[in-house]
Amino acid sequence: MTPAQADHARADTDPSDRYSEEGPAGLVLDTPMPADGAALWRIARDSRVLDLNSSYSYLLWCRDYAATSIVARDTSGEPVGFITGYARPDAPRTLLVWQVAVDERLRGKGVAAAMLDALTRRTGAALGVEAMETTITPDNTASDRLFTSFAERHGALVEREVLFDAALFPEDGHESELLYRIGPIGARDDEAPSLPGPAPV
């Protein structure tokens, strides 16, 4: 049995560590496992938009950051979309969304938005997440729409600033990465919104 198969077996026998809910287009929104890593790498590669990380990094992400990530599975159980994220070490109530990708045949069906909402619910309940961060390059209008719409649905503010200037990247042609900070997630209309700071240590 390979390590990936062993992980699948553990997940099947210990459902208390799993998260799953129905998503749009007949999909299931689920907790990623290391055996999903190769599929996530392929989806990222085929997006032709995301920076493609090593295949090994996706395997590690599905092991070490499964609680702050999510996959969308089709009826055969294969991943057709994913979000990878992590809780900020110095601000554990803030979820940093690393990558969002959906298989080309399912784009435009609300899959990315549904994954983002589901991941927010899960991390809010399990980890007390109150804010979200992500970085977007100025030319990525699809991601801007996704996260701006998310903020509107959740009654949250969006703050934008340059996180990493283009000059910091070693390769030519890399655009600056703009930090989007969204929060508080789920604020009521009658509350004066303000973004939460780092959690007390």
N, C-alpha and C. Protein backbone atom coordinates (compact mmCIF):
# COMPACT_ATOMS: atom_id res chain seq x y z
N MET A 1 0.85 -1.19 0.00
CA MET A 1 0.00 0.00 0.00
C MET A 1 0.88 1.24 0.00
N THR A 2 0.61 2.16 -0.91
CA THR A 2 1.38 3.40 -0.97
C THR A 2 0.95 4.34 0.15
N PRO A 3 1.77 5.36 0.48
CA PRO A 3 1.34 6.33 1.49
C PRO A 3 0.01 7.00 1.14
N ALA A 4 -0.19 7.30 -0.15
CA ALA A 4 -1.45 7.94 -0.55
C ALA A 4 -2.63 7.02 -0.31
N GLN A 5 -2.45 5.72 -0.63
CA GLN A 5 -3.54 4.77 -0.40
C GLN A 5 -3.81 4.60 1.09
N ALA A 6 -2.74 4.62 1.88
CA ALA A 6 -2.91 4.51 3.33
C ALA A 6 -3.68 5.70 3.87
N ASP A 7 -3.40 6.88 3.33
CA ASP A 7 -4.11 8.08 3.78
C ASP A 7 -5.59 7.99 3.44
N HIS A 8 -5.89 7.50 2.22
CA HIS A 8 -7.29 7.29 1.85
C HIS A 8 -7.96 6.33 2.83
N ALA A 9 -7.26 5.26 3.18
CA ALA A 9 -7.84 4.27 4.09
C ALA A 9 -8.11 4.88 5.45
N ARG A 10 -7.17 5.70 5.96
CA ARG A 10 -7.38 6.35 7.25
C ARG A 10 -8.57 7.29 7.19
N ALA A 11 -8.69 8.02 6.08
CA ALA A 11 -9.80 8.96 5.95
C ALA A 11 -11.13 8.23 5.92
N ASP A 12 -11.17 7.07 5.26
CA ASP A 12 -12.41 6.32 5.18
C ASP A 12 -12.81 5.74 6.53
N THR A 13 -11.81 5.42 7.37
CA THR A 13 -12.13 4.80 8.65
C THR A 13 -12.27 5.81 9.78
N ASP A 14 -11.89 7.05 9.55
CA ASP A 14 -11.99 8.07 10.59
C ASP A 14 -12.70 9.30 10.03
N PRO A 15 -14.04 9.20 9.83
CA PRO A 15 -14.78 10.30 9.22
C PRO A 15 -14.85 11.55 10.09
N SER A 16 -14.46 11.45 11.37
CA SER A 16 -14.53 12.63 12.23
C SER A 16 -13.59 13.72 11.76
N ASP A 17 -12.55 13.36 11.02
CA ASP A 17 -11.59 14.35 10.54
C ASP A 17 -11.97 14.88 9.17
N ARG A 18 -13.08 14.45 8.62
CA ARG A 18 -13.45 14.81 7.26
C ARG A 18 -14.52 15.88 7.27
N TYR A 19 -14.56 16.61 6.16
CA TYR A 19 -15.59 17.62 5.96
C TYR A 19 -16.16 17.39 4.58
N SER A 20 -17.48 17.46 4.44
CA SER A 20 -18.07 17.25 3.13
C SER A 20 -19.45 17.91 3.09
N GLU A 21 -19.76 18.55 1.96
CA GLU A 21 -21.10 19.09 1.75
C GLU A 21 -21.38 19.13 0.26
N GLU A 22 -22.65 19.22 -0.08
CA GLU A 22 -23.03 19.29 -1.48
C GLU A 22 -22.68 20.65 -2.05
N GLY A 23 -22.24 20.64 -3.32
CA GLY A 23 -21.91 21.87 -4.01
C GLY A 23 -22.74 22.02 -5.27
N PRO A 24 -22.47 23.04 -6.06
CA PRO A 24 -23.22 23.25 -7.31
C PRO A 24 -22.85 22.21 -8.36
N ALA A 25 -23.68 22.09 -9.37
CA ALA A 25 -23.42 21.21 -10.52
C ALA A 25 -23.21 19.76 -10.11
N GLY A 26 -23.86 19.33 -9.01
CA GLY A 26 -23.75 17.94 -8.58
C GLY A 26 -22.43 17.58 -7.95
N LEU A 27 -21.63 18.57 -7.57
CA LEU A 27 -20.32 18.31 -6.99
C LEU A 27 -20.41 18.14 -5.48
N VAL A 28 -19.37 17.55 -4.92
CA VAL A 28 -19.22 17.43 -3.47
C VAL A 28 -18.01 18.25 -3.07
N LEU A 29 -18.17 19.10 -2.06
CA LEU A 29 -17.09 19.92 -1.53
C LEU A 29 -16.51 19.19 -0.34
N ASP A 30 -15.22 18.89 -0.40
CA ASP A 30 -14.64 17.89 0.48
C ASP A 30 -13.26 18.33 0.98
N THR A 31 -12.78 17.63 2.00
CA THR A 31 -11.43 17.83 2.51
C THR A 31 -10.42 17.17 1.59
N PRO A 32 -9.36 17.86 1.19
CA PRO A 32 -8.35 17.23 0.33
C PRO A 32 -7.52 16.20 1.09
N MET A 33 -6.98 15.23 0.34
CA MET A 33 -6.10 14.21 0.88
C MET A 33 -4.85 14.15 0.00
N PRO A 34 -3.74 13.61 0.52
CA PRO A 34 -2.53 13.55 -0.30
C PRO A 34 -2.73 12.87 -1.66
N ALA A 35 -3.62 11.90 -1.73
CA ALA A 35 -3.87 11.25 -3.02
C ALA A 35 -4.50 12.19 -4.04
N ASP A 36 -4.99 13.35 -3.60
CA ASP A 36 -5.55 14.35 -4.51
C ASP A 36 -4.48 15.27 -5.09
N GLY A 37 -3.27 15.22 -4.53
CA GLY A 37 -2.25 16.19 -4.89
C GLY A 37 -1.94 16.25 -6.38
N ALA A 38 -1.85 15.09 -7.02
CA ALA A 38 -1.53 15.07 -8.46
C ALA A 38 -2.63 15.74 -9.27
N ALA A 39 -3.88 15.50 -8.89
CA ALA A 39 -5.01 16.12 -9.62
C ALA A 39 -5.00 17.63 -9.43
N LEU A 40 -4.69 18.08 -8.22
CA LEU A 40 -4.63 19.52 -7.97
C LEU A 40 -3.53 20.16 -8.82
N TRP A 41 -2.38 19.48 -8.90
CA TRP A 41 -1.28 19.98 -9.72
C TRP A 41 -1.71 20.10 -11.18
N ARG A 42 -2.43 19.08 -11.69
CA ARG A 42 -2.88 19.11 -13.09
C ARG A 42 -3.89 20.24 -13.32
N ILE A 43 -4.82 20.42 -12.38
CA ILE A 43 -5.81 21.50 -12.53
C ILE A 43 -5.11 22.85 -12.55
N ALA A 44 -4.14 23.05 -11.66
CA ALA A 44 -3.38 24.30 -11.64
C ALA A 44 -2.62 24.49 -12.94
N ARG A 45 -1.99 23.42 -13.44
CA ARG A 45 -1.25 23.50 -14.70
C ARG A 45 -2.16 23.87 -15.85
N ASP A 46 -3.31 23.22 -15.91
CA ASP A 46 -4.21 23.42 -17.05
C ASP A 46 -4.95 24.76 -16.98
N SER A 47 -4.90 25.42 -15.83
CA SER A 47 -5.55 26.73 -15.72
C SER A 47 -4.86 27.76 -16.60
N ARG A 48 -3.58 27.59 -16.84
CA ARG A 48 -2.77 28.51 -17.65
C ARG A 48 -2.79 29.93 -17.08
N VAL A 49 -3.18 30.06 -15.83
CA VAL A 49 -3.23 31.36 -15.16
C VAL A 49 -2.40 31.34 -13.87
N LEU A 50 -2.54 30.27 -13.10
CA LEU A 50 -1.86 30.18 -11.82
C LEU A 50 -0.37 29.94 -12.00
N ASP A 51 0.41 30.41 -11.03
CA ASP A 51 1.81 30.00 -10.95
C ASP A 51 1.81 28.53 -10.55
N LEU A 52 2.46 27.69 -11.36
CA LEU A 52 2.46 26.25 -11.09
C LEU A 52 3.58 25.91 -10.12
N ASN A 53 3.20 25.40 -8.96
CA ASN A 53 4.19 24.94 -7.99
C ASN A 53 4.60 23.50 -8.31
N SER A 54 5.59 22.99 -7.61
CA SER A 54 6.01 21.61 -7.84
C SER A 54 4.89 20.65 -7.46
N SER A 55 4.87 19.49 -8.10
CA SER A 55 3.86 18.48 -7.76
C SER A 55 3.99 18.06 -6.30
N TYR A 56 5.23 18.03 -5.81
CA TYR A 56 5.47 17.66 -4.42
C TYR A 56 4.78 18.63 -3.46
N SER A 57 4.78 19.92 -3.81
CA SER A 57 4.17 20.91 -2.92
C SER A 57 2.68 20.67 -2.76
N TYR A 58 2.00 20.22 -3.82
CA TYR A 58 0.57 19.96 -3.71
C TYR A 58 0.29 18.73 -2.83
N LEU A 59 1.18 17.74 -2.90
CA LEU A 59 1.04 16.59 -2.01
C LEU A 59 1.18 17.02 -0.55
N LEU A 60 2.20 17.83 -0.28
CA LEU A 60 2.40 18.32 1.08
C LEU A 60 1.23 19.18 1.54
N TRP A 61 0.74 20.02 0.64
CA TRP A 61 -0.37 20.90 1.02
C TRP A 61 -1.59 20.09 1.43
N CYS A 62 -1.87 19.02 0.67
CA CYS A 62 -3.03 18.19 0.98
C CYS A 62 -2.85 17.42 2.28
N ARG A 63 -1.61 17.26 2.73
CA ARG A 63 -1.38 16.61 4.01
C ARG A 63 -1.40 17.62 5.16
N ASP A 64 -0.63 18.70 5.01
CA ASP A 64 -0.39 19.60 6.13
C ASP A 64 -1.41 20.72 6.27
N TYR A 65 -2.09 21.07 5.18
CA TYR A 65 -3.04 22.19 5.22
C TYR A 65 -4.43 21.77 4.75
N ALA A 66 -4.76 20.51 4.95
CA ALA A 66 -6.08 20.01 4.52
C ALA A 66 -7.21 20.73 5.25
N ALA A 67 -7.00 21.09 6.51
CA ALA A 67 -8.06 21.72 7.31
C ALA A 67 -8.39 23.12 6.83
N THR A 68 -7.48 23.74 6.07
CA THR A 68 -7.72 25.09 5.58
C THR A 68 -7.76 25.14 4.05
N SER A 69 -8.04 23.99 3.45
CA SER A 69 -8.16 23.87 1.99
C SER A 69 -9.42 23.07 1.67
N ILE A 70 -9.78 23.04 0.40
CA ILE A 70 -11.02 22.35 0.00
C ILE A 70 -10.89 21.88 -1.44
N VAL A 71 -11.56 20.76 -1.75
CA VAL A 71 -11.63 20.28 -3.12
C VAL A 71 -13.09 20.10 -3.51
N ALA A 72 -13.37 20.28 -4.79
CA ALA A 72 -14.68 19.95 -5.36
C ALA A 72 -14.51 18.66 -6.14
N ARG A 73 -15.35 17.66 -5.84
CA ARG A 73 -15.25 16.36 -6.50
C ARG A 73 -16.46 16.13 -7.39
N ASP A 74 -16.21 15.47 -8.53
CA ASP A 74 -17.31 15.08 -9.40
C ASP A 74 -17.92 13.77 -8.90
N THR A 75 -18.85 13.21 -9.65
CA THR A 75 -19.57 12.02 -9.20
C THR A 75 -18.67 10.79 -9.08
N SER A 76 -17.52 10.82 -9.74
CA SER A 76 -16.58 9.70 -9.63
C SER A 76 -15.59 9.90 -8.48
N GLY A 77 -15.69 11.04 -7.80
CA GLY A 77 -14.78 11.32 -6.69
C GLY A 77 -13.51 12.05 -7.07
N GLU A 78 -13.36 12.36 -8.36
CA GLU A 78 -12.15 13.03 -8.82
C GLU A 78 -12.23 14.53 -8.55
N PRO A 79 -11.13 15.14 -8.09
CA PRO A 79 -11.12 16.60 -7.91
C PRO A 79 -11.28 17.33 -9.24
N VAL A 80 -12.16 18.33 -9.25
CA VAL A 80 -12.35 19.16 -10.45
C VAL A 80 -12.19 20.64 -10.10
N GLY A 81 -11.83 20.91 -8.86
CA GLY A 81 -11.58 22.27 -8.42
C GLY A 81 -10.98 22.22 -7.03
N PHE A 82 -10.29 23.28 -6.66
CA PHE A 82 -9.69 23.30 -5.32
C PHE A 82 -9.39 24.73 -4.89
N ILE A 83 -9.29 24.89 -3.57
CA ILE A 83 -8.73 26.09 -2.96
C ILE A 83 -7.71 25.62 -1.95
N THR A 84 -6.51 26.17 -2.02
CA THR A 84 -5.51 25.92 -0.99
C THR A 84 -5.36 27.17 -0.14
N GLY A 85 -5.23 26.97 1.16
CA GLY A 85 -5.11 28.10 2.07
C GLY A 85 -4.44 27.69 3.36
N TYR A 86 -4.12 28.68 4.18
CA TYR A 86 -3.55 28.39 5.49
C TYR A 86 -3.91 29.52 6.44
N ALA A 87 -3.90 29.21 7.73
CA ALA A 87 -4.10 30.22 8.76
C ALA A 87 -2.78 30.94 8.98
N ARG A 88 -2.82 32.28 8.93
CA ARG A 88 -1.60 33.06 9.12
C ARG A 88 -0.95 32.75 10.47
N PRO A 89 0.33 32.41 10.52
CA PRO A 89 0.96 32.07 11.80
C PRO A 89 0.87 33.19 12.84
N ASP A 90 1.01 34.45 12.41
CA ASP A 90 0.94 35.55 13.37
C ASP A 90 -0.45 36.16 13.49
N ALA A 91 -1.41 35.60 12.77
CA ALA A 91 -2.80 36.07 12.83
C ALA A 91 -3.70 34.87 12.53
N PRO A 92 -3.80 33.91 13.46
CA PRO A 92 -4.46 32.63 13.17
C PRO A 92 -5.95 32.73 12.87
N ARG A 93 -6.57 33.89 13.12
CA ARG A 93 -7.97 34.04 12.75
C ARG A 93 -8.12 34.58 11.33
N THR A 94 -7.00 34.69 10.61
CA THR A 94 -7.01 35.13 9.21
C THR A 94 -6.63 33.97 8.31
N LEU A 95 -7.48 33.67 7.33
CA LEU A 95 -7.23 32.62 6.35
C LEU A 95 -6.58 33.25 5.12
N LEU A 96 -5.37 32.79 4.78
CA LEU A 96 -4.71 33.23 3.56
C LEU A 96 -5.06 32.25 2.46
N VAL A 97 -5.76 32.71 1.44
CA VAL A 97 -6.10 31.85 0.30
C VAL A 97 -4.95 31.92 -0.70
N TRP A 98 -4.36 30.76 -0.97
CA TRP A 98 -3.17 30.68 -1.81
C TRP A 98 -3.54 30.55 -3.28
N GLN A 99 -4.28 29.52 -3.63
CA GLN A 99 -4.68 29.31 -5.03
C GLN A 99 -6.14 28.87 -5.10
N VAL A 100 -6.80 29.30 -6.17
CA VAL A 100 -8.17 28.88 -6.49
C VAL A 100 -8.17 28.44 -7.94
N ALA A 101 -8.66 27.24 -8.21
CA ALA A 101 -8.70 26.76 -9.59
C ALA A 101 -9.89 25.84 -9.78
N VAL A 102 -10.49 25.91 -10.97
CA VAL A 102 -11.62 25.05 -11.34
C VAL A 102 -11.36 24.50 -12.73
N ASP A 103 -11.66 23.23 -12.92
CA ASP A 103 -11.53 22.61 -14.23
C ASP A 103 -12.30 23.41 -15.28
N GLU A 104 -11.71 23.53 -16.46
CA GLU A 104 -12.27 24.41 -17.49
C GLU A 104 -13.72 24.11 -17.81
N ARG A 105 -14.10 22.83 -17.82
CA ARG A 105 -15.46 22.47 -18.20
C ARG A 105 -16.50 22.89 -17.17
N LEU A 106 -16.07 23.27 -15.99
CA LEU A 106 -17.02 23.65 -14.93
C LEU A 106 -16.95 25.12 -14.57
N ARG A 107 -16.17 25.88 -15.30
CA ARG A 107 -16.08 27.31 -15.01
C ARG A 107 -17.39 28.01 -15.37
N GLY A 108 -17.70 29.05 -14.64
CA GLY A 108 -18.94 29.79 -14.88
C GLY A 108 -20.16 29.18 -14.23
N LYS A 109 -19.97 28.15 -13.39
CA LYS A 109 -21.09 27.49 -12.72
C LYS A 109 -21.12 27.78 -11.22
N GLY A 110 -20.35 28.74 -10.78
CA GLY A 110 -20.37 29.11 -9.36
C GLY A 110 -19.57 28.20 -8.46
N VAL A 111 -18.69 27.37 -9.03
CA VAL A 111 -17.95 26.40 -8.22
C VAL A 111 -16.94 27.10 -7.32
N ALA A 112 -16.19 28.04 -7.86
CA ALA A 112 -15.19 28.74 -7.05
C ALA A 112 -15.85 29.48 -5.88
N ALA A 113 -16.94 30.18 -6.15
CA ALA A 113 -17.64 30.91 -5.09
C ALA A 113 -18.17 29.96 -4.03
N ALA A 114 -18.71 28.81 -4.44
CA ALA A 114 -19.24 27.85 -3.48
C ALA A 114 -18.12 27.26 -2.62
N MET A 115 -16.98 26.98 -3.22
CA MET A 115 -15.84 26.48 -2.44
C MET A 115 -15.38 27.52 -1.43
N LEU A 116 -15.32 28.77 -1.86
CA LEU A 116 -14.87 29.84 -0.97
C LEU A 116 -15.82 30.00 0.21
N ASP A 117 -17.12 29.96 -0.06
CA ASP A 117 -18.11 30.07 1.02
C ASP A 117 -18.01 28.88 1.98
N ALA A 118 -17.89 27.67 1.42
CA ALA A 118 -17.81 26.47 2.25
C ALA A 118 -16.55 26.47 3.10
N LEU A 119 -15.44 26.86 2.50
CA LEU A 119 -14.19 26.89 3.26
C LEU A 119 -14.26 27.92 4.38
N THR A 120 -14.91 29.04 4.12
CA THR A 120 -15.08 30.06 5.16
C THR A 120 -15.93 29.54 6.32
N ARG A 121 -17.02 28.85 5.99
CA ARG A 121 -17.86 28.28 7.04
C ARG A 121 -17.07 27.29 7.89
N ARG A 122 -16.33 26.42 7.22
CA ARG A 122 -15.60 25.38 7.95
C ARG A 122 -14.51 25.97 8.83
N THR A 123 -13.71 26.87 8.28
CA THR A 123 -12.61 27.43 9.08
C THR A 123 -13.13 28.39 10.14
N GLY A 124 -14.27 29.02 9.87
CA GLY A 124 -14.87 29.86 10.90
C GLY A 124 -15.31 29.04 12.09
N ALA A 125 -15.96 27.91 11.83
CA ALA A 125 -16.45 27.06 12.91
C ALA A 125 -15.31 26.35 13.63
N ALA A 126 -14.32 25.87 12.88
CA ALA A 126 -13.27 25.05 13.49
C ALA A 126 -12.11 25.87 14.04
N LEU A 127 -11.80 26.98 13.39
CA LEU A 127 -10.59 27.74 13.75
C LEU A 127 -10.87 29.17 14.18
N GLY A 128 -12.13 29.59 14.12
CA GLY A 128 -12.46 30.95 14.50
C GLY A 128 -12.02 31.99 13.49
N VAL A 129 -11.90 31.59 12.22
CA VAL A 129 -11.46 32.53 11.19
C VAL A 129 -12.46 33.67 11.06
N GLU A 130 -11.95 34.90 11.05
CA GLU A 130 -12.77 36.10 10.97
C GLU A 130 -12.45 36.97 9.77
N ALA A 131 -11.32 36.71 9.13
CA ALA A 131 -10.89 37.53 7.99
C ALA A 131 -10.19 36.64 6.97
N MET A 132 -10.14 37.14 5.76
CA MET A 132 -9.50 36.41 4.68
C MET A 132 -8.51 37.33 3.99
N GLU A 133 -7.39 36.77 3.57
CA GLU A 133 -6.43 37.48 2.74
C GLU A 133 -6.15 36.66 1.49
N THR A 134 -5.84 37.36 0.42
CA THR A 134 -5.36 36.72 -0.81
C THR A 134 -4.55 37.75 -1.56
N THR A 135 -3.75 37.30 -2.51
CA THR A 135 -3.03 38.25 -3.35
C THR A 135 -3.45 38.05 -4.80
N ILE A 136 -3.59 39.16 -5.50
CA ILE A 136 -4.09 39.16 -6.88
C ILE A 136 -3.24 40.14 -7.68
N THR A 137 -2.84 39.73 -8.88
CA THR A 137 -2.12 40.65 -9.75
C THR A 137 -3.11 41.59 -10.41
N PRO A 138 -2.68 42.79 -10.78
CA PRO A 138 -3.62 43.80 -11.31
C PRO A 138 -4.39 43.36 -12.55
N ASP A 139 -3.84 42.42 -13.33
CA ASP A 139 -4.52 42.03 -14.57
C ASP A 139 -5.49 40.87 -14.36
N ASN A 140 -5.62 40.34 -13.15
CA ASN A 140 -6.45 39.17 -12.90
C ASN A 140 -7.87 39.61 -12.52
N THR A 141 -8.64 39.98 -13.52
CA THR A 141 -9.99 40.49 -13.27
C THR A 141 -10.93 39.42 -12.73
N ALA A 142 -10.72 38.16 -13.13
CA ALA A 142 -11.60 37.08 -12.65
C ALA A 142 -11.45 36.91 -11.15
N SER A 143 -10.22 36.92 -10.64
CA SER A 143 -10.01 36.78 -9.20
C SER A 143 -10.52 38.01 -8.45
N ASP A 144 -10.34 39.18 -9.04
CA ASP A 144 -10.88 40.39 -8.41
C ASP A 144 -12.39 40.27 -8.24
N ARG A 145 -13.08 39.81 -9.28
CA ARG A 145 -14.55 39.65 -9.20
C ARG A 145 -14.92 38.60 -8.16
N LEU A 146 -14.17 37.48 -8.12
CA LEU A 146 -14.49 36.40 -7.18
C LEU A 146 -14.42 36.90 -5.75
N PHE A 147 -13.35 37.58 -5.39
CA PHE A 147 -13.17 37.98 -4.00
C PHE A 147 -13.99 39.22 -3.64
N THR A 148 -14.20 40.11 -4.60
CA THR A 148 -15.06 41.25 -4.34
C THR A 148 -16.50 40.79 -4.11
N SER A 149 -16.95 39.84 -4.93
CA SER A 149 -18.30 39.29 -4.75
C SER A 149 -18.42 38.56 -3.43
N PHE A 150 -17.38 37.84 -3.05
CA PHE A 150 -17.38 37.15 -1.75
C PHE A 150 -17.59 38.16 -0.62
N ALA A 151 -16.83 39.27 -0.68
CA ALA A 151 -16.97 40.29 0.36
C ALA A 151 -18.38 40.85 0.41
N GLU A 152 -18.98 41.08 -0.75
CA GLU A 152 -20.34 41.61 -0.79
C GLU A 152 -21.33 40.62 -0.17
N ARG A 153 -21.17 39.33 -0.47
CA ARG A 153 -22.08 38.32 0.08
C ARG A 153 -21.98 38.25 1.60
N HIS A 154 -20.80 38.51 2.13
CA HIS A 154 -20.57 38.35 3.56
C HIS A 154 -20.57 39.68 4.32
N GLY A 155 -20.97 40.75 3.64
CA GLY A 155 -21.07 42.04 4.30
C GLY A 155 -19.74 42.52 4.86
N ALA A 156 -18.66 42.25 4.13
CA ALA A 156 -17.33 42.56 4.64
C ALA A 156 -16.66 43.67 3.84
N LEU A 157 -15.72 44.32 4.47
CA LEU A 157 -14.90 45.33 3.81
C LEU A 157 -13.78 44.66 3.02
N VAL A 158 -13.28 45.34 1.99
CA VAL A 158 -12.11 44.90 1.26
C VAL A 158 -11.07 46.01 1.32
N GLU A 159 -9.90 45.69 1.85
CA GLU A 159 -8.77 46.60 1.83
C GLU A 159 -7.74 46.08 0.84
N ARG A 160 -7.17 46.97 0.03
CA ARG A 160 -6.19 46.57 -0.98
C ARG A 160 -4.92 47.39 -0.79
N GLU A 161 -3.78 46.72 -0.92
CA GLU A 161 -2.49 47.39 -0.88
C GLU A 161 -1.46 46.50 -1.58
N VAL A 162 -0.37 47.08 -2.01
CA VAL A 162 0.69 46.28 -2.62
C VAL A 162 1.40 45.50 -1.52
N LEU A 163 1.43 44.18 -1.67
CA LEU A 163 2.13 43.33 -0.71
C LEU A 163 3.57 43.08 -1.16
N PHE A 164 3.72 42.61 -2.40
CA PHE A 164 5.04 42.36 -2.96
C PHE A 164 5.16 43.12 -4.27
N ASP A 165 6.03 44.10 -4.30
CA ASP A 165 6.26 44.87 -5.51
C ASP A 165 6.93 44.00 -6.57
N ALA A 166 6.69 44.32 -7.83
CA ALA A 166 7.24 43.54 -8.94
C ALA A 166 8.76 43.41 -8.85
N ALA A 167 9.42 44.42 -8.32
CA ALA A 167 10.88 44.41 -8.24
C ALA A 167 11.41 43.33 -7.30
N LEU A 168 10.57 42.80 -6.43
CA LEU A 168 11.02 41.77 -5.49
C LEU A 168 11.15 40.40 -6.14
N PHE A 169 10.49 40.19 -7.28
CA PHE A 169 10.50 38.88 -7.91
C PHE A 169 11.74 38.71 -8.78
N PRO A 170 12.35 37.52 -8.75
CA PRO A 170 13.59 37.32 -9.51
C PRO A 170 13.40 37.24 -11.01
N GLU A 171 12.22 36.81 -11.46
CA GLU A 171 12.00 36.67 -12.90
C GLU A 171 11.46 37.96 -13.49
N ASP A 172 11.78 38.19 -14.76
CA ASP A 172 11.29 39.37 -15.46
C ASP A 172 9.80 39.23 -15.76
N GLY A 173 9.09 40.34 -15.71
CA GLY A 173 7.70 40.35 -16.15
C GLY A 173 6.68 39.99 -15.09
N HIS A 174 7.12 39.66 -13.87
CA HIS A 174 6.14 39.33 -12.82
C HIS A 174 5.52 40.62 -12.30
N GLU A 175 4.19 40.67 -12.29
CA GLU A 175 3.50 41.85 -11.80
C GLU A 175 3.54 41.91 -10.27
N SER A 176 3.27 43.09 -9.75
CA SER A 176 3.14 43.23 -8.30
C SER A 176 1.96 42.39 -7.81
N GLU A 177 2.07 41.90 -6.59
CA GLU A 177 0.98 41.16 -5.96
C GLU A 177 0.27 42.09 -5.00
N LEU A 178 -1.03 42.30 -5.28
CA LEU A 178 -1.85 43.15 -4.42
C LEU A 178 -2.50 42.31 -3.33
N LEU A 179 -2.39 42.75 -2.10
CA LEU A 179 -3.02 42.07 -0.98
C LEU A 179 -4.46 42.55 -0.85
N TYR A 180 -5.39 41.60 -0.86
CA TYR A 180 -6.79 41.87 -0.55
C TYR A 180 -7.03 41.34 0.86
N ARG A 181 -7.49 42.21 1.74
CA ARG A 181 -7.85 41.79 3.09
C ARG A 181 -9.34 42.01 3.27
N ILE A 182 -10.05 40.93 3.56
CA ILE A 182 -11.51 40.92 3.60
C ILE A 182 -11.97 40.56 5.01
N GLY A 183 -12.83 41.42 5.57
CA GLY A 183 -13.34 41.10 6.89
C GLY A 183 -14.08 42.29 7.49
N PRO A 184 -14.74 42.12 8.59
CA PRO A 184 -14.93 40.83 9.23
C PRO A 184 -15.92 39.98 8.44
N ILE A 185 -15.64 38.70 8.32
CA ILE A 185 -16.50 37.81 7.55
C ILE A 185 -17.80 37.59 8.31
N GLY A 186 -18.92 37.82 7.62
CA GLY A 186 -20.22 37.60 8.23
C GLY A 186 -20.71 38.74 9.08
N ALA A 187 -20.15 39.94 8.91
CA ALA A 187 -20.61 41.09 9.70
C ALA A 187 -22.06 41.40 9.39
N ARG A 188 -22.83 41.76 10.42
CA ARG A 188 -24.23 42.12 10.22
C ARG A 188 -24.31 43.54 9.68
N ASP A 189 -25.42 43.84 9.02
CA ASP A 189 -25.60 45.17 8.43
C ASP A 189 -25.57 46.27 9.46
N ASP A 190 -25.99 45.97 10.72
CA ASP A 190 -26.07 47.01 11.73
C ASP A 190 -24.77 47.15 12.52
N GLU A 191 -23.74 46.39 12.14
CA GLU A 191 -22.46 46.50 12.81
C GLU A 191 -21.56 47.44 12.03
N ALA A 192 -20.77 48.22 12.73
CA ALA A 192 -19.77 49.04 12.07
C ALA A 192 -18.58 48.15 11.74
N PRO A 193 -18.32 47.87 10.45
CA PRO A 193 -17.28 46.90 10.11
C PRO A 193 -15.89 47.44 10.38
N SER A 194 -15.05 46.57 10.89
CA SER A 194 -13.63 46.86 11.03
C SER A 194 -12.89 45.55 10.95
N LEU A 195 -11.72 45.56 10.35
CA LEU A 195 -10.96 44.33 10.18
C LEU A 195 -10.31 43.91 11.49
N PRO A 196 -10.39 42.63 11.84
CA PRO A 196 -9.76 42.18 13.09
C PRO A 196 -8.25 42.17 12.96
N GLY A 197 -7.57 42.46 14.05
CA GLY A 197 -6.11 42.37 14.06
C GLY A 197 -5.67 40.98 14.45
N PRO A 198 -4.35 40.78 14.61
CA PRO A 198 -3.84 39.48 15.01
C PRO A 198 -4.43 39.03 16.34
N ALA A 199 -4.60 37.73 16.46
CA ALA A 199 -5.14 37.20 17.72
C ALA A 199 -4.11 37.35 18.82
N PRO A 200 -4.55 37.58 20.05
CA PRO A 200 -3.60 37.66 21.16
C PRO A 200 -2.88 36.35 21.35
N VAL A 201 -1.61 36.42 21.70
CA VAL A 201 -0.80 35.21 21.88
C VAL A 201 -0.98 34.70 23.31
